Amino acid sequence: MHIAIAGNIGSGKTTLTTLLSKHFKWKAQYEDVENNPYLNDFYKDMQRWSFNLQVYFLNSRFRQIVDIKESGDNYIQDRTIYEDAYIFAPNLHSMGLMSSRDFENYKEIFNIMDSFIKGPDLLIYLRASVPKLVEQIQKRGRDYENSIRLDYLTRLNERYEAWIDEYDKGELLIIEVDNIDFSENKNELEDIINKLENRLKKLS
């Protein structure tokens, strides 16, 4: 079983991945943030490092999917390869932060990878407003995220909604996170677990 959690920066993906992994005894695959050699530079100069960063994430996510498939174990994954390809890279291109030449090259790489993989059995989408994202980004206090622009988060949110509206890779569960705090409130986490269990029954 391959479960994945999607959502904008600060929506709570990593926290929920950890909590669900612990509850269901699933193995977890996390986004490679701490060891990413481009992330710091990217937030300082997006135009210079956008292509490098996106190719790094694409490669990392593809390797994760291959590992999940080969293992035969139950996995929960923090962010999907589709978010890189349909949200982050196109957004950088449309904002003039990735050249058309680099973007076309990126799409070719993704299309080749996409032909070898399939979507997760179930995708959990964490829907959050920009104020909620900002609140949670500030709360976790990563230095390199201090310079994230509001218009950048807003554009990402718009692309997430458009992508989710047409998502057809597998089962989809949408969690509205604006008015909940599943990291602190056990009842709210339990509610998410119950919703997830109901969806998993359909897949078994």
C-alpha atoms as a PDB file:
ATOM      1  CA  MET A   1       0.000   0.000   0.000  1.00  0.00           C
ATOM      2  CA  HIS A   2       1.304   3.426  -0.991  1.00  0.00           C
ATOM      3  CA  ILE A   3      -0.279   6.408   0.771  1.00  0.00           C
ATOM      4  CA  ALA A   4       0.909   9.941   0.022  1.00  0.00           C
ATOM      5  CA  ILE A   5       0.247  13.306   1.630  1.00  0.00           C
ATOM      6  CA  ALA A   6       0.057  16.414  -0.544  1.00  0.00           C
ATOM      7  CA  GLY A   7      -0.200  20.055   0.424  1.00  0.00           C
ATOM      8  CA  ASN A   8       1.393  23.468   0.245  1.00  0.00           C
ATOM      9  CA  ILE A   9       4.444  24.555   2.253  1.00  0.00           C
ATOM     10  CA  GLY A  10       3.429  24.625   5.916  1.00  0.00           C
ATOM     11  CA  SER A  11       0.204  22.633   5.558  1.00  0.00           C
ATOM     12  CA  GLY A  12       1.342  19.926   7.998  1.00  0.00           C
ATOM     13  CA  LYS A  13       2.425  17.112   5.669  1.00  0.00           C
ATOM     14  CA  THR A  14       5.492  16.009   7.592  1.00  0.00           C
ATOM     15  CA  THR A  15       3.721  16.085  10.962  1.00  0.00           C
ATOM     16  CA  LEU A  16       0.778  14.038   9.676  1.00  0.00           C
ATOM     17  CA  THR A  17       3.114  11.612   7.893  1.00  0.00           C
ATOM     18  CA  THR A  18       4.864  10.951  11.221  1.00  0.00           C
ATOM     19  CA  LEU A  19       1.637  10.565  13.190  1.00  0.00           C
ATOM     20  CA  LEU A  20      -0.028   8.219  10.683  1.00  0.00           C
ATOM     21  CA  SER A  21       3.152   6.189  10.224  1.00  0.00           C
ATOM     22  CA  LYS A  22       3.280   5.636  13.961  1.00  0.00           C
ATOM     23  CA  HIS A  23      -0.432   4.791  14.263  1.00  0.00           C
ATOM     24  CA  PHE A  24      -0.666   2.377  11.321  1.00  0.00           C
ATOM     25  CA  LYS A  25       2.907   1.001  11.674  1.00  0.00           C
ATOM     26  CA  TRP A  26       3.661   2.150   8.121  1.00  0.00           C
ATOM     27  CA  LYS A  27       7.134   2.996   6.887  1.00  0.00           C
ATOM     28  CA  ALA A  28       7.574   6.689   6.078  1.00  0.00           C
ATOM     29  CA  GLN A  29       9.322   8.450   3.212  1.00  0.00           C
ATOM     30  CA  TYR A  30      10.055  12.106   3.943  1.00  0.00           C
ATOM     31  CA  GLU A  31      10.833  15.028   1.696  1.00  0.00           C
ATOM     32  CA  ASP A  32      14.594  15.546   1.595  1.00  0.00           C
ATOM     33  CA  VAL A  33      14.740  19.002   3.164  1.00  0.00           C
ATOM     34  CA  GLU A  34      17.593  18.874   5.665  1.00  0.00           C
ATOM     35  CA  ASN A  35      20.105  17.334   3.230  1.00  0.00           C
ATOM     36  CA  ASN A  36      18.973  19.275   0.173  1.00  0.00           C
ATOM     37  CA  PRO A  37      22.053  21.161  -1.121  1.00  0.00           C
ATOM     38  CA  TYR A  38      19.988  23.721  -3.066  1.00  0.00           C
ATOM     39  CA  LEU A  39      17.171  24.786  -0.735  1.00  0.00           C
ATOM     40  CA  ASN A  40      19.013  27.535   1.132  1.00  0.00           C
ATOM     41  CA  ASP A  41      20.393  29.034  -2.071  1.00  0.00           C
ATOM     42  CA  PHE A  42      17.009  28.774  -3.763  1.00  0.00           C
ATOM     43  CA  TYR A  43      15.187  30.950  -1.238  1.00  0.00           C
ATOM     44  CA  LYS A  44      17.962  33.557  -1.512  1.00  0.00           C
ATOM     45  CA  ASP A  45      17.992  33.568  -5.336  1.00  0.00           C
ATOM     46  CA  MET A  46      15.042  31.668  -6.838  1.00  0.00           C
ATOM     47  CA  GLN A  47      15.843  32.495 -10.438  1.00  0.00           C
ATOM     48  CA  ARG A  48      19.397  31.181 -10.250  1.00  0.00           C
ATOM     49  CA  TRP A  49      18.621  27.925  -8.410  1.00  0.00           C
ATOM     50  CA  SER A  50      15.057  26.989  -9.419  1.00  0.00           C
ATOM     51  CA  PHE A  51      15.995  24.410 -12.063  1.00  0.00           C
ATOM     52  CA  ASN A  52      18.657  22.773  -9.873  1.00  0.00           C
ATOM     53  CA  LEU A  53      16.262  22.535  -6.937  1.00  0.00           C
ATOM     54  CA  GLN A  54      13.388  21.076  -8.946  1.00  0.00           C
ATOM     55  CA  VAL A  55      15.568  18.455 -10.648  1.00  0.00           C
ATOM     56  CA  TYR A  56      16.966  17.471  -7.237  1.00  0.00           C
ATOM     57  CA  PHE A  57      13.446  16.997  -5.838  1.00  0.00           C
ATOM     58  CA  LEU A  58      12.340  15.130  -8.959  1.00  0.00           C
ATOM     59  CA  ASN A  59      15.226  12.698  -8.672  1.00  0.00           C
ATOM     60  CA  SER A  60      14.710  12.247  -4.922  1.00  0.00           C
ATOM     61  CA  ARG A  61      10.971  11.586  -5.294  1.00  0.00           C
ATOM     62  CA  PHE A  62      11.469   9.148  -8.164  1.00  0.00           C
ATOM     63  CA  ARG A  63      13.973   7.160  -6.096  1.00  0.00           C
ATOM     64  CA  GLN A  64      11.468   7.052  -3.231  1.00  0.00           C
ATOM     65  CA  ILE A  65       8.744   5.655  -5.490  1.00  0.00           C
ATOM     66  CA  VAL A  66      11.083   2.987  -6.859  1.00  0.00           C
ATOM     67  CA  ASP A  67      12.075   2.012  -3.300  1.00  0.00           C
ATOM     68  CA  ILE A  68       8.419   1.843  -2.216  1.00  0.00           C
ATOM     69  CA  LYS A  69       7.484  -0.337  -5.179  1.00  0.00           C
ATOM     70  CA  GLU A  70      10.429  -2.714  -4.727  1.00  0.00           C
ATOM     71  CA  SER A  71       9.956  -3.080  -0.955  1.00  0.00           C
ATOM     72  CA  GLY A  72       6.430  -4.507  -1.020  1.00  0.00           C
ATOM     73  CA  ASP A  73       5.803  -2.775   2.333  1.00  0.00           C
ATOM     74  CA  ASN A  74       3.128  -0.279   3.368  1.00  0.00           C
ATOM     75  CA  TYR A  75       4.484   3.251   2.983  1.00  0.00           C
ATOM     76  CA  ILE A  76       3.296   6.773   3.621  1.00  0.00           C
ATOM     77  CA  GLN A  77       5.054   9.464   1.598  1.00  0.00           C
ATOM     78  CA  ASP A  78       5.528  13.135   2.466  1.00  0.00           C
ATOM     79  CA  ARG A  79       4.695  15.003  -0.806  1.00  0.00           C
ATOM     80  CA  THR A  80       4.397  13.488  -4.295  1.00  0.00           C
ATOM     81  CA  ILE A  81       6.343  13.710  -7.517  1.00  0.00           C
ATOM     82  CA  TYR A  82       3.222  15.204  -9.150  1.00  0.00           C
ATOM     83  CA  GLU A  83       3.378  18.298  -6.957  1.00  0.00           C
ATOM     84  CA  ASP A  84       6.872  18.988  -8.250  1.00  0.00           C
ATOM     85  CA  ALA A  85       5.794  18.611 -11.865  1.00  0.00           C
ATOM     86  CA  TYR A  86       2.319  20.177 -11.861  1.00  0.00           C
ATOM     87  CA  ILE A  87       2.664  22.861  -9.188  1.00  0.00           C
ATOM     88  CA  PHE A  88       6.157  23.972  -8.189  1.00  0.00           C
ATOM     89  CA  ALA A  89       8.015  23.872 -11.513  1.00  0.00           C
ATOM     90  CA  PRO A  90       5.168  25.452 -13.588  1.00  0.00           C
ATOM     91  CA  ASN A  91       4.718  28.109 -10.916  1.00  0.00           C
ATOM     92  CA  LEU A  92       8.397  29.045 -11.043  1.00  0.00           C
ATOM     93  CA  HIS A  93       8.214  29.205 -14.836  1.00  0.00           C
ATOM     94  CA  SER A  94       5.097  31.408 -14.857  1.00  0.00           C
ATOM     95  CA  MET A  95       6.687  33.790 -12.317  1.00  0.00           C
ATOM     96  CA  GLY A  96       9.720  34.184 -14.562  1.00  0.00           C
ATOM     97  CA  LEU A  97      11.921  32.339 -12.060  1.00  0.00           C
ATOM     98  CA  MET A  98      12.664  29.405 -14.391  1.00  0.00           C
ATOM     99  CA  SER A  99      13.538  29.908 -18.044  1.00  0.00           C
ATOM    100  CA  SER A 100      11.418  28.302 -20.756  1.00  0.00           C
ATOM    101  CA  ARG A 101      14.455  26.298 -21.863  1.00  0.00           C
ATOM    102  CA  ASP A 102      14.952  24.853 -18.375  1.00  0.00           C
ATOM    103  CA  PHE A 103      11.215  24.266 -17.924  1.00  0.00           C
ATOM    104  CA  GLU A 104      10.923  22.306 -21.188  1.00  0.00           C
ATOM    105  CA  ASN A 105      13.946  20.237 -20.176  1.00  0.00           C
ATOM    106  CA  TYR A 106      12.389  19.616 -16.764  1.00  0.00           C
ATOM    107  CA  LYS A 107       9.084  18.469 -18.301  1.00  0.00           C
ATOM    108  CA  GLU A 108      10.891  16.013 -20.556  1.00  0.00           C
ATOM    109  CA  ILE A 109      12.674  14.486 -17.560  1.00  0.00           C
ATOM    110  CA  PHE A 110       9.404  14.198 -15.630  1.00  0.00           C
ATOM    111  CA  ASN A 111       7.500  12.669 -18.565  1.00  0.00           C
ATOM    112  CA  ILE A 112      10.103   9.911 -18.883  1.00  0.00           C
ATOM    113  CA  MET A 113       9.907   9.196 -15.144  1.00  0.00           C
ATOM    114  CA  ASP A 114       6.108   9.324 -15.162  1.00  0.00           C
ATOM    115  CA  SER A 115       5.981   6.572 -17.776  1.00  0.00           C
ATOM    116  CA  PHE A 116       7.631   4.193 -15.271  1.00  0.00           C
ATOM    117  CA  ILE A 117       5.499   4.921 -12.205  1.00  0.00           C
ATOM    118  CA  LYS A 118       1.891   4.952 -11.040  1.00  0.00           C
ATOM    119  CA  GLY A 119       0.118   7.171  -8.546  1.00  0.00           C
ATOM    120  CA  PRO A 120      -0.309   6.348  -4.841  1.00  0.00           C
ATOM    121  CA  ASP A 121      -3.206   4.089  -3.853  1.00  0.00           C
ATOM    122  CA  LEU A 122      -4.561   6.955  -1.760  1.00  0.00           C
ATOM    123  CA  LEU A 123      -3.673  10.649  -1.759  1.00  0.00           C
ATOM    124  CA  ILE A 124      -4.416  12.778   1.310  1.00  0.00           C
ATOM    125  CA  TYR A 125      -4.612  16.483   0.424  1.00  0.00           C
ATOM    126  CA  LEU A 126      -4.178  18.986   3.262  1.00  0.00           C
ATOM    127  CA  ARG A 127      -6.114  22.094   2.228  1.00  0.00           C
ATOM    128  CA  ALA A 128      -5.025  25.281   4.020  1.00  0.00           C
ATOM    129  CA  SER A 129      -5.483  29.018   3.477  1.00  0.00           C
ATOM    130  CA  VAL A 130      -2.435  31.256   3.062  1.00  0.00           C
ATOM    131  CA  PRO A 131      -2.804  32.773   6.590  1.00  0.00           C
ATOM    132  CA  LYS A 132      -2.771  29.245   8.053  1.00  0.00           C
ATOM    133  CA  LEU A 133       0.323  28.374   6.012  1.00  0.00           C
ATOM    134  CA  VAL A 134       2.129  31.516   7.182  1.00  0.00           C
ATOM    135  CA  GLU A 135       1.194  30.790  10.794  1.00  0.00           C
ATOM    136  CA  GLN A 136       2.589  27.252  10.623  1.00  0.00           C
ATOM    137  CA  ILE A 137       5.715  28.275   8.693  1.00  0.00           C
ATOM    138  CA  GLN A 138       6.501  30.869  11.366  1.00  0.00           C
ATOM    139  CA  LYS A 139       5.761  28.365  14.113  1.00  0.00           C
ATOM    140  CA  ARG A 140       8.357  25.855  12.899  1.00  0.00           C
ATOM    141  CA  GLY A 141      10.967  28.601  12.384  1.00  0.00           C
ATOM    142  CA  ARG A 142      13.156  27.325   9.574  1.00  0.00           C
ATOM    143  CA  ASP A 143      15.625  30.086   8.690  1.00  0.00           C
ATOM    144  CA  TYR A 144      15.515  29.534   4.948  1.00  0.00           C
ATOM    145  CA  GLU A 145      11.707  29.881   4.913  1.00  0.00           C
ATOM    146  CA  ASN A 146      11.737  33.383   6.413  1.00  0.00           C
ATOM    147  CA  SER A 147      12.023  34.924   2.959  1.00  0.00           C
ATOM    148  CA  ILE A 148       9.102  33.058   1.353  1.00  0.00           C
ATOM    149  CA  ARG A 149       6.880  35.619  -0.353  1.00  0.00           C
ATOM    150  CA  LEU A 150       3.113  35.756   0.186  1.00  0.00           C
ATOM    151  CA  ASP A 151       2.455  35.930  -3.550  1.00  0.00           C
ATOM    152  CA  TYR A 152       4.535  32.757  -3.954  1.00  0.00           C
ATOM    153  CA  LEU A 153       2.389  30.856  -1.420  1.00  0.00           C
ATOM    154  CA  THR A 154      -0.806  32.253  -2.952  1.00  0.00           C
ATOM    155  CA  ARG A 155       0.133  31.141  -6.451  1.00  0.00           C
ATOM    156  CA  LEU A 156       1.044  27.695  -5.156  1.00  0.00           C
ATOM    157  CA  ASN A 157      -2.317  27.393  -3.402  1.00  0.00           C
ATOM    158  CA  GLU A 158      -4.149  28.275  -6.626  1.00  0.00           C
ATOM    159  CA  ARG A 159      -2.203  25.620  -8.517  1.00  0.00           C
ATOM    160  CA  TYR A 160      -2.846  23.037  -5.795  1.00  0.00           C
ATOM    161  CA  GLU A 161      -6.597  23.613  -6.032  1.00  0.00           C
ATOM    162  CA  ALA A 162      -6.540  23.309  -9.829  1.00  0.00           C
ATOM    163  CA  TRP A 163      -4.486  20.092  -9.627  1.00  0.00           C
ATOM    164  CA  ILE A 164      -6.689  18.494  -6.962  1.00  0.00           C
ATOM    165  CA  ASP A 165      -9.818  19.427  -8.911  1.00  0.00           C
ATOM    166  CA  GLU A 166      -8.600  17.236 -11.793  1.00  0.00           C
ATOM    167  CA  TYR A 167      -6.708  14.585  -9.816  1.00  0.00           C
ATOM    168  CA  ASP A 168      -7.304  11.100 -11.246  1.00  0.00           C
ATOM    169  CA  LYS A 169      -4.313   8.999 -10.164  1.00  0.00           C
ATOM    170  CA  GLY A 170      -6.209   7.121  -7.438  1.00  0.00           C
ATOM    171  CA  GLU A 171      -8.342   7.559  -4.308  1.00  0.00           C
ATOM    172  CA  LEU A 172      -8.393  11.074  -2.846  1.00  0.00           C
ATOM    173  CA  LEU A 173      -9.103  12.243   0.711  1.00  0.00           C
ATOM    174  CA  ILE A 174      -9.256  16.004   1.359  1.00  0.00           C
ATOM    175  CA  ILE A 175      -8.610  17.287   4.890  1.00  0.00           C
ATOM    176  CA  GLU A 176      -9.480  20.916   5.715  1.00  0.00           C
ATOM    177  CA  VAL A 177      -6.777  22.020   8.153  1.00  0.00           C
ATOM    178  CA  ASP A 178      -7.561  25.704   8.792  1.00  0.00           C
ATOM    179  CA  ASN A 179      -9.578  25.117  11.944  1.00  0.00           C
ATOM    180  CA  ILE A 180      -7.889  22.019  13.350  1.00  0.00           C
ATOM    181  CA  ASP A 181      -4.578  21.190  15.002  1.00  0.00           C
ATOM    182  CA  PHE A 182      -4.066  17.442  14.674  1.00  0.00           C
ATOM    183  CA  SER A 183      -0.542  17.703  16.112  1.00  0.00           C
ATOM    184  CA  GLU A 184      -1.907  18.851  19.487  1.00  0.00           C
ATOM    185  CA  ASN A 185      -5.519  17.649  19.540  1.00  0.00           C
ATOM    186  CA  LYS A 186      -5.888  13.860  19.775  1.00  0.00           C
ATOM    187  CA  ASN A 187      -9.599  13.977  18.900  1.00  0.00           C
ATOM    188  CA  GLU A 188      -8.895  15.817  15.662  1.00  0.00           C
ATOM    189  CA  LEU A 189      -6.167  13.335  14.771  1.00  0.00           C
ATOM    190  CA  GLU A 190      -8.571  10.483  15.574  1.00  0.00           C
ATOM    191  CA  ASP A 191     -11.118  12.013  13.214  1.00  0.00           C
ATOM    192  CA  ILE A 192      -8.564  12.005  10.385  1.00  0.00           C
ATOM    193  CA  ILE A 193      -7.614   8.393  11.192  1.00  0.00           C
ATOM    194  CA  ASN A 194     -11.293   7.352  11.056  1.00  0.00           C
ATOM    195  CA  LYS A 195     -11.775   9.030   7.679  1.00  0.00           C
ATOM    196  CA  LEU A 196      -8.624   7.366   6.406  1.00  0.00           C
ATOM    197  CA  GLU A 197      -9.667   3.928   7.650  1.00  0.00           C
ATOM    198  CA  ASN A 198     -12.992   4.259   5.805  1.00  0.00           C
ATOM    199  CA  ARG A 199     -11.140   5.006   2.563  1.00  0.00           C
ATOM    200  CA  LEU A 200      -8.697   2.178   3.094  1.00  0.00           C
ATOM    201  CA  LYS A 201     -11.598  -0.278   3.413  1.00  0.00           C
ATOM    202  CA  LYS A 202     -12.550   0.593  -0.169  1.00  0.00           C
ATOM    203  CA  LEU A 203      -9.067  -0.307  -1.325  1.00  0.00           C
ATOM    204  CA  SER A 204      -8.781  -3.630   0.499  1.00  0.00           C
END
